[in-house]
Structure formats: structure tokens, C-alpha cells
Amino acid sequence: MYKYVLSCVAFLLLFSCERESNTYEVGNSLVSAQSKVVMIDTLTLKMSTIMKDSVITSGKSAILVGSIKDQTFGTVNSASMFELTPESYSLATTSNVVFDSIVMYLTNTDFYYGDTLKTFKMDVHPMTDRIKLRGYDGEYYYNSGYLYNNSDLKYASTSIGSAEFLPRPNTDSSYVKVKLDQSYGLNIFNLLKSKDATSQEYFLNFYKGLALVPSTDNNAMLRFGINTSYEVQINKTTKEKVSNVVRMYYHTASVNGTEEVKYTLDLNPSTTYQYNKISSDFSGSDLAGLSPTTPIESKNLGNKSYMMAGIGVYTQVEIPYLKTLKNLFTNYNIISANLTLSPVAGYYSNAFYNPTPLYYYVGDKKNNIISSFLESDETTEITVSLTDNSEFQSDYGYTFNLLSYVNTILSETTTSNYNILISPSSYSDVLSGKVVVGDQNNSTNPAKLQLYILGY
């Protein structure tokens, strides 16, 4: 009986919030002095909604087109621009060939956001600027290898094609067919027929690419994946497997009773020289006044913080008094440090598109990304999924492991002013997923920071 009672007491001590023992493993050694494991959940969190001055949107094999409007984020528009690369710079034959038509096919991937029950409208415009990978530092343009959401390349004001359709992702009707102007196609046909075009550089002197521009009447965002293929019903009798492509149709004319031969030539959107121009207007929304130079503290947003990829709206988390932990014990070891953020009640639904996963980064006082949180392989970014399998939404949340961050801050000899930056996608991605989370004082979905520290 004595051994039984002793075992029960030991079991209870093991799972208490504050534990004492004579030995505890710390690194490779055992602590022989009296030690305590303490759970701390009262450290102050300071949260803000911040906006990056630019977000990389090129080279992601994703054509993002649309316009969405709501009280939360205001108006967000995305137009997509890309070069076209002919599969050949010459026609299959130049004898007795006749141009028929030119058509753009777009295959809608499984991503969409907004009202897909409303007719979606967009126009196609020829580019007037070459798509060159460059950045802008506020004063000078420079070659960066990227294009950003606010890169400003020009396209012609006149449309060469338009489409109106009901978005149907993941269905047999998930592709869009846009017939382009005959004159546009005929000019390309004649250039290739002339045999003057022998390289992409020469071709781009005349045809710099296309821009897909959404109507402001839309309230949805669609993504068309470059290099995705889909079998479509071209007409009543013919099916063709197409990807996102501009396809030219032509044929050889019948001469002396010979049978005409039909041909196609594809012009493919570039995966490198393509970007999404994403703009935002927060006027009249919750985020009115937000800019790259003007963050908004969560206490001024009803104890909420906002995130939206594509336009660079992040949540910033600071732990201003983290170093006070060093005053608790002469010697200590942080066992775990977890931050949990929950979507605020009223902002969680399939329609609102709460994203999973989230990414998080270490940022400096200017909100530049210093480093990513990485898996044990030290190359793969850690992603955080939304736990929403509880019966109660108040228990839904994203949990971030901050152990490495906490240890870094506590080991500093000077003050670095590092913070945590959280985004609905990789900072170089173009998804328009958005989420609103509560801060530490939110009444329904408060943020929680929980640390376990061993002191001895």
C-alpha cells in the first residue's frame, strides 16, 4: 500500500503546473539541485496589423484575376500580365495557308474566393511594355529577378477580347474560352508566315504579351494555373486537351480539289515573365488608414489583427517583456513556447476563406523579414494549420512554436527589437486568403502565449 500511495503522489506531481524534482535533464547533463517547472501565460502581447510595401507576385505559375469588395479589407483588384511564347516561330507550311481564328483558353484551378454565383467579367488587352523583372526602391528601378504586386507595366486601353461567365471551379465547365480579335491574330499569323521571326526576342518587338483585366463589377477572385491542362469540348463533335494557352487556327486552302488541312499553333504564357498586379483601397473599410508607413494596433481595431496575402497585410506580434523571464531564476531552460491565435467570431466561414496554412517569420523593427521558422531539415518553412475540429469555434486556432525565437531573444546581450510576422501564405505567394484573429484582450477569441520554463 505504501508503494501504491507513493506512486500516486509522484504521478500527480508530474502533471502539476509547477513541479519540483531532484534531477532534471537539461541538455546533456542532469540538474542535481532543487528545480521547478513553471507554466507562464501572463506575458503581455502587443499585436498590430502592418502592410508590406510590396509582395513578390511573379514566377508563381498562377494567373490571379478578379475584384473583391467587403467591409473588412475594402476593395482589392488583381490583373495578370504575361509574355506569350510561340511553340514555333514558323507555320507548319506557308503554301496556300489561310488564317481562321485565335482563341485564348483558361483553365480555372480549384482556387476561388468571393461570389461565384455572379457573372464574372474580364477583358484581354495587349501589353505595351515589355515584362522585365525589376524592382523599385522608391527612387530607382533595379534588376531584381522579380516583379511585385505594385509593379506598374502598361497595357493598351483597347480590349482585344472579353469574357462573361459563371465561375465553375472543379467542374466540366471550369475552363474559359475567349475569342480574340481577328486583326490581332492575323497580324501574328502574317509575322510567322513571313519567316522574319526567328527568336523570342524578335517576336517580343511586336507582341509584348497580354493583360487579363477584371471588371470592377466582379466580387470574386479566380486563379488560372499556368501549365495546367484540361480536356474541353471545342464544338459539338470535337474535344481538345488544352492548358492556359492562346491557340491560333489556320488551314491550307483547297487547290484543284485537294483536301484542306487544318493546323493549330499555340502561344504559351510564360511562367517566368508573368506577374499579378494587385492593388487595394481600404477607404471605408476596417483598415482605413493602413499603409506601409502606418500600422494599426489591434486595440484600435476592436482587439483584432488582420492578414491578407497578395497585398502584404500581415499580423505583427511583439512580446515586449520577454526578457523579464531571466529574472525568475538564476539558471533556467525554456522547455516550450507556443502562441495560439484564433479567428474572431463572425470572421470564420467558408465564404470568408480562412486560410490554412499560415507562415511565420522573424522581422526587424522595419518589418523586413530576417528569417523563416524552419523544420529540422533547416530548409523547409514551418507551416501552421488551423485546428477546427472542435465543436466550439472558440477553440479553433493556429498554434505557432516560438521556442527558437524565445531562446534567441533571451540569449541576446543587446536589444535587437525583433518581432514575429504572420501571413496567410508564403510572403512570395499570391493567394488572396485572409484571416482576422483576436489579440490578448479579445472577448471571444483571445490570443494566448504559453511558456514552460525550468528554473534551478
Protein backbone atom coordinates (compact mmCIF):
# COMPACT_ATOMS: atom_id res chain seq x y z
CA MET A 1 0.00 0.00 0.00
CA TYR A 2 2.87 2.34 0.84
CA LYS A 3 4.34 1.90 -2.66
CA TYR A 4 0.91 2.44 -4.24
CA VAL A 5 0.33 5.75 -2.40
CA LEU A 6 3.85 6.90 -3.25
CA SER A 7 3.26 6.17 -6.96
CA CYS A 8 0.01 8.17 -6.99
CA VAL A 9 1.69 11.19 -5.38
CA ALA A 10 4.53 11.03 -7.90
CA PHE A 11 2.03 10.87 -10.78
CA LEU A 12 0.15 13.96 -9.54
CA LEU A 13 3.36 15.92 -9.13
CA LEU A 14 4.42 15.04 -12.65
CA PHE A 15 1.42 16.77 -14.18
CA SER A 16 1.13 19.82 -11.92
CA CYS A 17 1.72 23.33 -13.33
CA GLU A 18 4.65 23.83 -11.00
CA ARG A 19 6.82 20.80 -10.41
CA GLU A 20 9.82 20.11 -8.21
CA SER A 21 12.34 17.32 -8.54
CA ASN A 22 15.87 16.50 -7.53
CA THR A 23 17.04 15.71 -11.06
CA TYR A 24 16.04 17.06 -14.47
CA GLU A 25 17.74 16.64 -17.78
CA VAL A 26 19.00 19.92 -19.25
CA GLY A 27 20.90 19.43 -22.48
CA ASN A 28 23.31 16.62 -21.82
CA SER A 29 23.53 17.00 -18.06
CA LEU A 30 21.29 16.33 -15.09
CA VAL A 31 20.45 19.09 -12.63
CA SER A 32 21.01 17.83 -9.13
CA ALA A 33 19.80 20.92 -7.26
CA GLN A 34 16.18 21.67 -6.45
CA SER A 35 14.32 22.64 -9.66
CA LYS A 36 10.92 23.88 -10.75
CA VAL A 37 8.91 23.69 -13.95
CA VAL A 38 6.66 26.74 -14.19
CA MET A 39 3.95 27.49 -16.73
CA ILE A 40 3.67 31.18 -17.65
CA ASP A 41 0.74 32.56 -19.62
CA THR A 42 0.65 36.18 -18.45
CA LEU A 43 3.30 37.79 -20.64
CA THR A 44 1.98 40.83 -22.50
CA LEU A 45 1.45 40.51 -26.27
CA LYS A 46 1.42 43.59 -28.47
CA MET A 47 -0.27 42.95 -31.82
CA SER A 48 -0.61 45.18 -34.86
CA THR A 49 -1.79 44.98 -38.47
CA ILE A 50 1.05 46.03 -40.75
CA MET A 51 1.39 46.33 -44.52
CA LYS A 52 4.48 45.43 -46.54
CA ASP A 53 5.39 47.97 -49.22
CA SER A 54 5.45 45.22 -51.86
CA VAL A 55 4.89 41.50 -52.36
CA ILE A 56 6.55 39.27 -54.95
CA THR A 57 3.92 38.10 -57.45
CA SER A 58 5.99 36.93 -60.42
CA GLY A 59 7.05 33.46 -61.46
CA LYS A 60 4.40 31.63 -59.42
CA SER A 61 2.59 29.87 -62.29
CA ALA A 62 -0.62 31.47 -61.08
CA ILE A 63 -2.77 33.92 -63.04
CA LEU A 64 -4.85 35.74 -60.41
CA VAL A 65 -7.72 37.82 -61.78
CA GLY A 66 -10.61 39.45 -60.00
CA SER A 67 -12.04 42.16 -57.82
CA ILE A 68 -13.46 41.74 -54.33
CA LYS A 69 -15.16 44.25 -52.05
CA ASP A 70 -16.09 43.98 -48.38
CA GLN A 71 -16.22 45.98 -45.17
CA THR A 72 -13.15 44.24 -43.79
CA PHE A 73 -10.48 44.90 -46.42
CA GLY A 74 -12.18 47.38 -48.76
CA THR A 75 -11.55 46.81 -52.47
CA VAL A 76 -8.83 44.53 -53.82
CA ASN A 77 -8.21 44.17 -57.57
CA SER A 78 -5.85 41.84 -59.42
CA ALA A 79 -4.95 41.95 -63.10
CA SER A 80 -2.49 39.44 -64.54
CA MET A 81 0.12 40.11 -67.23
CA PHE A 82 2.33 37.68 -69.12
CA GLU A 83 4.50 37.18 -72.17
CA LEU A 84 3.45 34.77 -74.90
CA THR A 85 5.95 32.31 -76.31
CA PRO A 86 5.06 30.64 -79.65
CA GLU A 87 5.71 26.90 -79.73
CA SER A 88 7.28 27.59 -83.14
CA TYR A 89 8.39 30.77 -84.88
CA SER A 90 7.19 29.45 -88.20
CA LEU A 91 3.98 27.94 -89.55
CA ALA A 92 3.71 24.26 -90.41
CA THR A 93 3.53 25.33 -94.03
CA THR A 94 3.33 28.66 -95.81
CA SER A 95 1.80 27.37 -99.06
CA ASN A 96 -1.82 28.42 -99.59
CA VAL A 97 -2.38 28.92 -95.84
CA VAL A 98 -5.40 30.83 -94.58
CA PHE A 99 -5.86 32.27 -91.09
CA ASP A 100 -9.04 31.15 -89.32
CA SER A 101 -9.16 32.46 -85.75
CA ILE A 102 -7.27 32.96 -82.50
CA VAL A 103 -8.66 31.90 -79.10
CA MET A 104 -7.49 32.06 -75.50
CA TYR A 105 -8.27 29.11 -73.21
CA LEU A 106 -8.01 29.46 -69.45
CA THR A 107 -8.42 26.57 -67.01
CA ASN A 108 -9.72 27.58 -63.60
CA THR A 109 -7.87 25.76 -60.81
CA ASP A 110 -9.53 24.81 -57.55
CA PHE A 111 -8.88 28.24 -56.01
CA TYR A 112 -11.57 30.87 -55.97
CA TYR A 113 -12.75 33.45 -53.50
CA GLY A 114 -15.92 35.51 -53.31
CA ASP A 115 -19.29 35.34 -55.09
CA THR A 116 -19.15 32.71 -57.84
CA LEU A 117 -22.91 32.85 -58.38
CA LYS A 118 -22.50 36.21 -60.08
CA THR A 119 -21.36 36.59 -63.70
CA PHE A 120 -17.61 37.16 -63.86
CA LYS A 121 -16.34 39.66 -66.44
CA MET A 122 -12.85 40.32 -67.75
CA ASP A 123 -11.12 41.84 -70.77
CA VAL A 124 -7.93 40.99 -72.64
CA HIS A 125 -5.54 43.81 -73.56
CA PRO A 126 -2.21 43.68 -75.45
CA MET A 127 0.81 44.79 -73.41
CA THR A 128 2.62 47.95 -74.49
CA ASP A 129 5.52 47.49 -72.03
CA ARG A 130 7.97 44.60 -72.05
CA ILE A 131 7.74 42.49 -68.90
CA LYS A 132 11.16 42.91 -67.34
CA LEU A 133 11.99 41.56 -63.91
CA ARG A 134 12.87 44.59 -61.88
CA GLY A 135 12.13 46.24 -58.57
CA TYR A 136 11.66 49.81 -57.39
CA ASP A 137 13.18 51.18 -54.20
CA GLY A 138 11.19 54.43 -54.24
CA GLU A 139 13.81 56.25 -56.26
CA TYR A 140 15.47 53.87 -58.73
CA TYR A 141 14.49 50.82 -60.74
CA TYR A 142 16.85 47.88 -60.47
CA ASN A 143 17.09 44.31 -61.81
CA SER A 144 15.83 42.07 -59.03
CA GLY A 145 14.67 38.91 -60.75
CA TYR A 146 11.13 39.57 -59.55
CA LEU A 147 8.04 41.65 -60.16
CA TYR A 148 5.82 42.85 -57.36
CA ASN A 149 2.14 43.45 -56.71
CA ASN A 150 2.68 47.19 -57.25
CA SER A 151 4.88 46.94 -60.37
CA ASP A 152 3.35 49.25 -62.96
CA LEU A 153 3.65 47.91 -66.51
CA LYS A 154 1.39 49.35 -69.19
CA TYR A 155 -1.14 47.71 -71.50
CA ALA A 156 -3.23 49.15 -74.34
CA SER A 157 -6.52 50.79 -73.41
CA THR A 158 -8.36 48.95 -76.18
CA SER A 159 -9.57 45.43 -75.42
CA ILE A 160 -8.99 42.66 -77.99
CA GLY A 161 -11.34 40.20 -76.34
CA SER A 162 -13.76 39.84 -73.44
CA ALA A 163 -15.50 37.11 -71.49
CA GLU A 164 -18.57 36.85 -69.28
CA PHE A 165 -19.12 33.55 -67.47
CA LEU A 166 -20.22 31.92 -64.25
CA PRO A 167 -17.13 30.55 -62.46
CA ARG A 168 -17.30 26.78 -62.09
CA PRO A 169 -14.07 25.54 -60.43
CA ASN A 170 -13.62 21.75 -60.33
CA THR A 171 -16.38 21.08 -62.86
CA ASP A 172 -16.54 20.22 -66.57
CA SER A 173 -17.23 23.90 -67.18
CA SER A 174 -14.15 25.15 -65.36
CA TYR A 175 -12.42 26.43 -68.49
CA VAL A 176 -12.96 29.79 -70.14
CA LYS A 177 -12.81 30.41 -73.88
CA VAL A 178 -12.10 33.95 -75.07
CA LYS A 179 -12.17 34.70 -78.79
CA LEU A 180 -9.60 37.37 -79.61
CA ASP A 181 -9.85 39.97 -82.35
CA GLN A 182 -9.25 38.67 -85.85
CA SER A 183 -6.87 41.53 -86.62
CA TYR A 184 -4.65 40.64 -83.63
CA GLY A 185 -4.43 37.01 -84.69
CA LEU A 186 -3.97 37.82 -88.37
CA ASN A 187 -1.01 40.10 -87.62
CA ILE A 188 0.73 37.33 -85.65
CA PHE A 189 -0.11 34.88 -88.43
CA ASN A 190 1.44 37.13 -91.07
CA LEU A 191 4.58 37.70 -88.96
CA LEU A 192 5.15 33.96 -88.58
CA LYS A 193 4.28 33.35 -92.21
CA SER A 194 6.88 35.90 -93.32
CA LYS A 195 9.61 33.83 -91.61
CA ASP A 196 11.13 37.02 -90.21
CA ALA A 197 10.56 35.93 -86.61
CA THR A 198 13.34 33.56 -85.60
CA SER A 199 13.58 34.16 -81.84
CA GLN A 200 11.57 35.22 -78.81
CA GLU A 201 13.44 38.49 -78.65
CA TYR A 202 12.40 39.35 -82.20
CA PHE A 203 8.81 38.26 -81.57
CA LEU A 204 8.59 40.47 -78.45
CA ASN A 205 9.43 43.53 -80.51
CA PHE A 206 5.91 43.24 -81.93
CA TYR A 207 3.90 41.28 -79.34
CA LYS A 208 4.92 42.01 -75.79
CA GLY A 209 2.24 39.92 -74.10
CA LEU A 210 -1.30 40.12 -72.78
CA ALA A 211 -3.05 41.53 -69.72
CA LEU A 212 -6.19 39.99 -68.19
CA VAL A 213 -8.14 42.81 -66.58
CA PRO A 214 -11.21 42.16 -64.38
CA SER A 215 -14.35 44.26 -64.39
CA THR A 216 -14.92 46.34 -61.27
CA ASP A 217 -18.43 44.83 -61.19
CA ASN A 218 -16.98 41.48 -60.07
CA ASN A 219 -16.96 40.33 -56.48
CA ALA A 220 -14.76 37.27 -56.86
CA MET A 221 -11.11 36.32 -57.32
CA LEU A 222 -10.14 33.43 -59.63
CA ARG A 223 -6.84 31.69 -60.22
CA PHE A 224 -5.87 30.14 -63.55
CA GLY A 225 -2.87 27.85 -63.26
CA ILE A 226 -0.19 28.08 -65.95
CA ASN A 227 0.76 24.66 -67.35
CA THR A 228 -2.44 23.01 -66.11
CA SER A 229 -4.27 21.06 -68.82
CA TYR A 230 -7.92 20.25 -69.31
CA GLU A 231 -9.93 18.42 -71.96
CA VAL A 232 -12.55 20.78 -73.34
CA GLN A 233 -15.42 20.50 -75.79
CA ILE A 234 -14.33 22.77 -78.62
CA ASN A 235 -17.54 22.24 -80.60
CA LYS A 236 -20.34 19.66 -80.86
CA THR A 237 -18.07 16.95 -82.22
CA THR A 238 -14.55 17.85 -81.13
CA LYS A 239 -12.69 17.69 -77.84
CA GLU A 240 -9.20 19.09 -77.31
CA LYS A 241 -6.82 18.93 -74.39
CA VAL A 242 -5.77 22.49 -73.66
CA SER A 243 -3.92 24.36 -70.96
CA ASN A 244 -3.82 28.09 -70.38
CA VAL A 245 -2.90 28.95 -73.92
CA VAL A 246 -3.55 31.24 -76.86
CA ARG A 247 -4.28 28.96 -79.81
CA MET A 248 -4.17 30.02 -83.44
CA TYR A 249 -6.21 28.07 -86.01
CA TYR A 250 -5.35 28.09 -89.70
CA HIS A 251 -5.62 25.78 -92.73
CA THR A 252 -4.31 25.16 -96.20
CA ALA A 253 -6.75 26.23 -98.91
CA SER A 254 -8.14 23.62 -101.30
CA VAL A 255 -6.35 23.73 -104.65
CA ASN A 256 -7.60 21.75 -107.65
CA GLY A 257 -9.83 19.60 -105.45
CA THR A 258 -7.20 18.80 -102.81
CA GLU A 259 -8.49 18.38 -99.28
CA GLU A 260 -7.77 21.28 -96.97
CA VAL A 261 -5.57 20.55 -93.95
CA LYS A 262 -6.21 22.18 -90.57
CA TYR A 263 -3.43 23.35 -88.27
CA THR A 264 -3.01 24.94 -84.86
CA LEU A 265 -0.15 26.87 -83.32
CA ASP A 266 -0.01 27.53 -79.56
CA LEU A 267 1.36 30.63 -77.89
CA ASN A 268 2.05 29.77 -74.25
CA PRO A 269 2.00 32.15 -71.27
CA SER A 270 5.45 32.44 -69.72
CA THR A 271 5.91 31.12 -66.19
CA THR A 272 8.87 33.45 -65.64
CA TYR A 273 7.74 36.68 -67.30
CA GLN A 274 4.34 36.83 -65.67
CA TYR A 275 3.06 38.68 -62.64
CA ASN A 276 -0.12 39.77 -60.91
CA LYS A 277 -0.71 43.47 -60.38
CA ILE A 278 -2.67 43.61 -57.12
CA SER A 279 -3.99 46.89 -55.78
CA SER A 280 -6.02 47.74 -52.71
CA ASP A 281 -8.19 50.58 -51.47
CA PHE A 282 -9.06 50.50 -47.76
CA SER A 283 -11.35 53.52 -47.91
CA GLY A 284 -14.49 52.98 -45.84
CA SER A 285 -13.28 49.63 -44.50
CA ASP A 286 -11.97 48.42 -41.14
CA LEU A 287 -8.42 49.09 -42.35
CA ALA A 288 -8.94 52.69 -43.48
CA GLY A 289 -5.66 54.48 -42.82
CA LEU A 290 -3.44 51.39 -43.08
CA SER A 291 -0.32 51.89 -45.21
CA PRO A 292 3.28 50.57 -45.30
CA THR A 293 4.28 53.50 -43.07
CA THR A 294 1.18 53.47 -40.84
CA PRO A 295 0.46 50.23 -38.94
CA ILE A 296 -2.67 49.93 -36.81
CA GLU A 297 -2.52 48.49 -33.31
CA SER A 298 -5.05 45.76 -32.52
CA LYS A 299 -6.55 47.82 -29.69
CA ASN A 300 -7.64 50.36 -32.32
CA LEU A 301 -9.32 47.63 -34.40
CA GLY A 302 -11.63 46.26 -31.73
CA ASN A 303 -8.90 43.96 -30.34
CA LYS A 304 -8.37 42.30 -33.71
CA SER A 305 -5.50 41.89 -36.12
CA TYR A 306 -5.78 41.32 -39.87
CA MET A 307 -3.92 39.34 -42.54
CA MET A 308 -4.28 39.15 -46.31
CA ALA A 309 -1.73 37.80 -48.74
CA GLY A 310 -1.17 39.31 -52.17
CA ILE A 311 -1.34 42.86 -50.80
CA GLY A 312 1.09 42.21 -47.94
CA VAL A 313 -1.17 42.70 -44.92
CA TYR A 314 0.46 40.84 -42.02
CA THR A 315 -0.06 40.45 -38.31
CA GLN A 316 2.88 41.63 -36.22
CA VAL A 317 3.34 40.15 -32.75
CA GLU A 318 5.70 41.64 -30.18
CA ILE A 319 6.50 40.27 -26.72
CA PRO A 320 7.91 43.43 -25.09
CA TYR A 321 8.69 41.99 -21.65
CA LEU A 322 10.04 38.63 -22.75
CA LYS A 323 13.47 39.25 -21.20
CA THR A 324 11.95 39.57 -17.73
CA LEU A 325 11.88 35.76 -17.67
CA LYS A 326 15.62 35.91 -16.98
CA ASN A 327 14.87 37.43 -13.56
CA LEU A 328 12.85 34.45 -12.34
CA PHE A 329 15.70 32.02 -11.78
CA THR A 330 19.46 32.05 -11.51
CA ASN A 331 19.55 29.28 -14.10
CA TYR A 332 16.74 28.34 -16.42
CA ASN A 333 15.81 26.42 -19.55
CA ILE A 334 12.79 27.16 -21.77
CA ILE A 335 11.02 23.85 -22.39
CA SER A 336 8.30 25.09 -24.75
CA ALA A 337 6.80 28.34 -26.03
CA ASN A 338 3.57 28.29 -28.03
CA LEU A 339 1.48 31.15 -29.38
CA THR A 340 -2.14 30.40 -30.33
CA LEU A 341 -4.19 32.80 -32.48
CA SER A 342 -7.89 32.20 -33.18
CA PRO A 343 -10.15 33.52 -35.96
CA VAL A 344 -12.51 36.03 -34.40
CA ALA A 345 -16.19 35.10 -34.11
CA GLY A 346 -18.02 36.40 -37.17
CA TYR A 347 -14.90 36.12 -39.34
CA TYR A 348 -14.83 32.36 -39.65
CA SER A 349 -16.70 30.71 -42.52
CA ASN A 350 -16.09 29.01 -45.84
CA ALA A 351 -17.15 32.23 -47.55
CA PHE A 352 -14.55 34.24 -45.63
CA TYR A 353 -11.88 31.74 -46.68
CA ASN A 354 -9.87 31.27 -43.51
CA PRO A 355 -6.58 30.01 -44.93
CA THR A 356 -4.54 27.05 -43.93
CA PRO A 357 -1.65 27.03 -43.61
CA LEU A 358 -0.15 30.19 -42.14
CA TYR A 359 3.53 31.02 -42.33
CA TYR A 360 5.52 32.97 -39.78
CA TYR A 361 8.80 34.84 -39.81
CA VAL A 362 11.21 36.83 -37.68
CA GLY A 363 11.05 40.50 -38.62
CA ASP A 364 13.01 43.61 -37.66
CA LYS A 365 11.68 46.92 -36.40
CA LYS A 366 11.01 47.99 -40.02
CA ASN A 367 9.08 44.75 -40.63
CA ASN A 368 11.67 43.37 -43.01
CA ILE A 369 11.77 39.59 -42.92
CA ILE A 370 15.01 38.48 -41.27
CA SER A 371 14.48 34.71 -41.28
CA SER A 372 11.89 31.96 -41.56
CA PHE A 373 10.97 29.36 -38.98
CA LEU A 374 12.32 26.11 -40.39
CA GLU A 375 11.74 22.41 -39.92
CA SER A 376 14.51 20.18 -38.55
CA ASP A 377 15.99 19.89 -42.07
CA GLU A 378 16.72 23.64 -41.80
CA THR A 379 15.41 24.28 -45.33
CA THR A 380 11.63 23.73 -45.21
CA GLU A 381 9.49 26.57 -43.88
CA ILE A 382 7.23 25.58 -41.00
CA THR A 383 3.54 25.93 -41.83
CA VAL A 384 0.77 26.14 -39.26
CA SER A 385 -2.63 24.61 -39.96
CA LEU A 386 -5.94 25.71 -38.50
CA THR A 387 -7.26 23.34 -35.86
CA ASP A 388 -11.03 23.46 -36.33
CA ASN A 389 -12.19 20.01 -35.27
CA SER A 390 -13.71 21.21 -32.02
CA GLU A 391 -17.44 21.56 -31.50
CA PHE A 392 -16.91 25.17 -30.49
CA GLN A 393 -15.42 27.85 -32.72
CA SER A 394 -13.84 29.49 -29.68
CA ASP A 395 -11.46 26.52 -29.63
CA TYR A 396 -10.34 26.93 -33.25
CA GLY A 397 -6.82 28.21 -33.62
CA TYR A 398 -3.38 28.36 -35.21
CA THR A 399 -0.55 27.36 -32.85
CA PHE A 400 2.98 28.62 -33.52
CA ASN A 401 6.08 27.11 -31.95
CA LEU A 402 8.19 30.07 -30.76
CA LEU A 403 10.79 28.10 -28.79
CA SER A 404 13.72 29.03 -31.06
CA TYR A 405 12.62 32.68 -31.15
CA VAL A 406 12.30 32.92 -27.36
CA ASN A 407 15.69 31.32 -26.82
CA THR A 408 17.27 33.71 -29.33
CA ILE A 409 15.85 36.78 -27.61
CA LEU A 410 16.83 35.57 -24.12
CA SER A 411 20.39 34.87 -25.24
CA GLU A 412 20.93 38.38 -26.62
CA THR A 413 23.34 40.71 -24.91
CA THR A 414 21.85 43.74 -26.68
CA THR A 415 18.33 44.68 -27.74
CA SER A 416 17.50 43.66 -31.32
CA ASN A 417 13.81 44.69 -31.49
CA TYR A 418 12.87 41.54 -33.37
CA ASN A 419 9.20 40.63 -33.76
CA ILE A 420 7.02 37.90 -35.28
CA LEU A 421 5.36 38.43 -38.67
CA ILE A 422 2.48 36.14 -39.67
CA SER A 423 0.97 35.81 -43.15
CA PRO A 424 -1.73 33.62 -44.78
CA SER A 425 0.81 32.38 -47.31
CA SER A 426 4.45 32.36 -48.11
CA TYR A 427 5.49 36.00 -48.41
CA SER A 428 6.34 35.41 -52.07
CA ASP A 429 2.99 33.88 -52.95
CA VAL A 430 -0.13 35.44 -54.49
CA LEU A 431 -3.03 33.82 -52.71
CA SER A 432 -5.68 36.26 -51.57
CA GLY A 433 -6.64 34.29 -48.46
CA LYS A 434 -7.45 36.44 -45.46
CA VAL A 435 -8.00 35.99 -41.76
CA VAL A 436 -8.88 38.13 -38.73
CA VAL A 437 -7.58 36.97 -35.35
CA GLY A 438 -8.13 38.21 -31.81
CA ASP A 439 -5.49 39.86 -29.65
CA GLN A 440 -4.87 39.11 -25.99
CA ASN A 441 -7.86 41.22 -24.90
CA ASN A 442 -10.39 39.95 -27.45
CA SER A 443 -13.55 38.94 -25.64
CA THR A 444 -14.37 35.83 -27.69
CA ASN A 445 -11.11 34.60 -29.27
CA PRO A 446 -8.12 35.91 -27.31
CA ALA A 447 -4.52 35.27 -28.33
CA LYS A 448 -2.63 33.03 -25.89
CA LEU A 449 1.10 32.71 -25.25
CA GLN A 450 2.05 29.78 -23.03
CA LEU A 451 5.60 29.03 -21.92
CA TYR A 452 7.05 26.26 -19.77
CA ILE A 453 10.32 27.18 -18.07
CA LEU A 454 12.60 25.04 -15.93
CA GLY A 455 14.30 27.00 -13.20
CA TYR A 456 17.02 25.71 -10.89
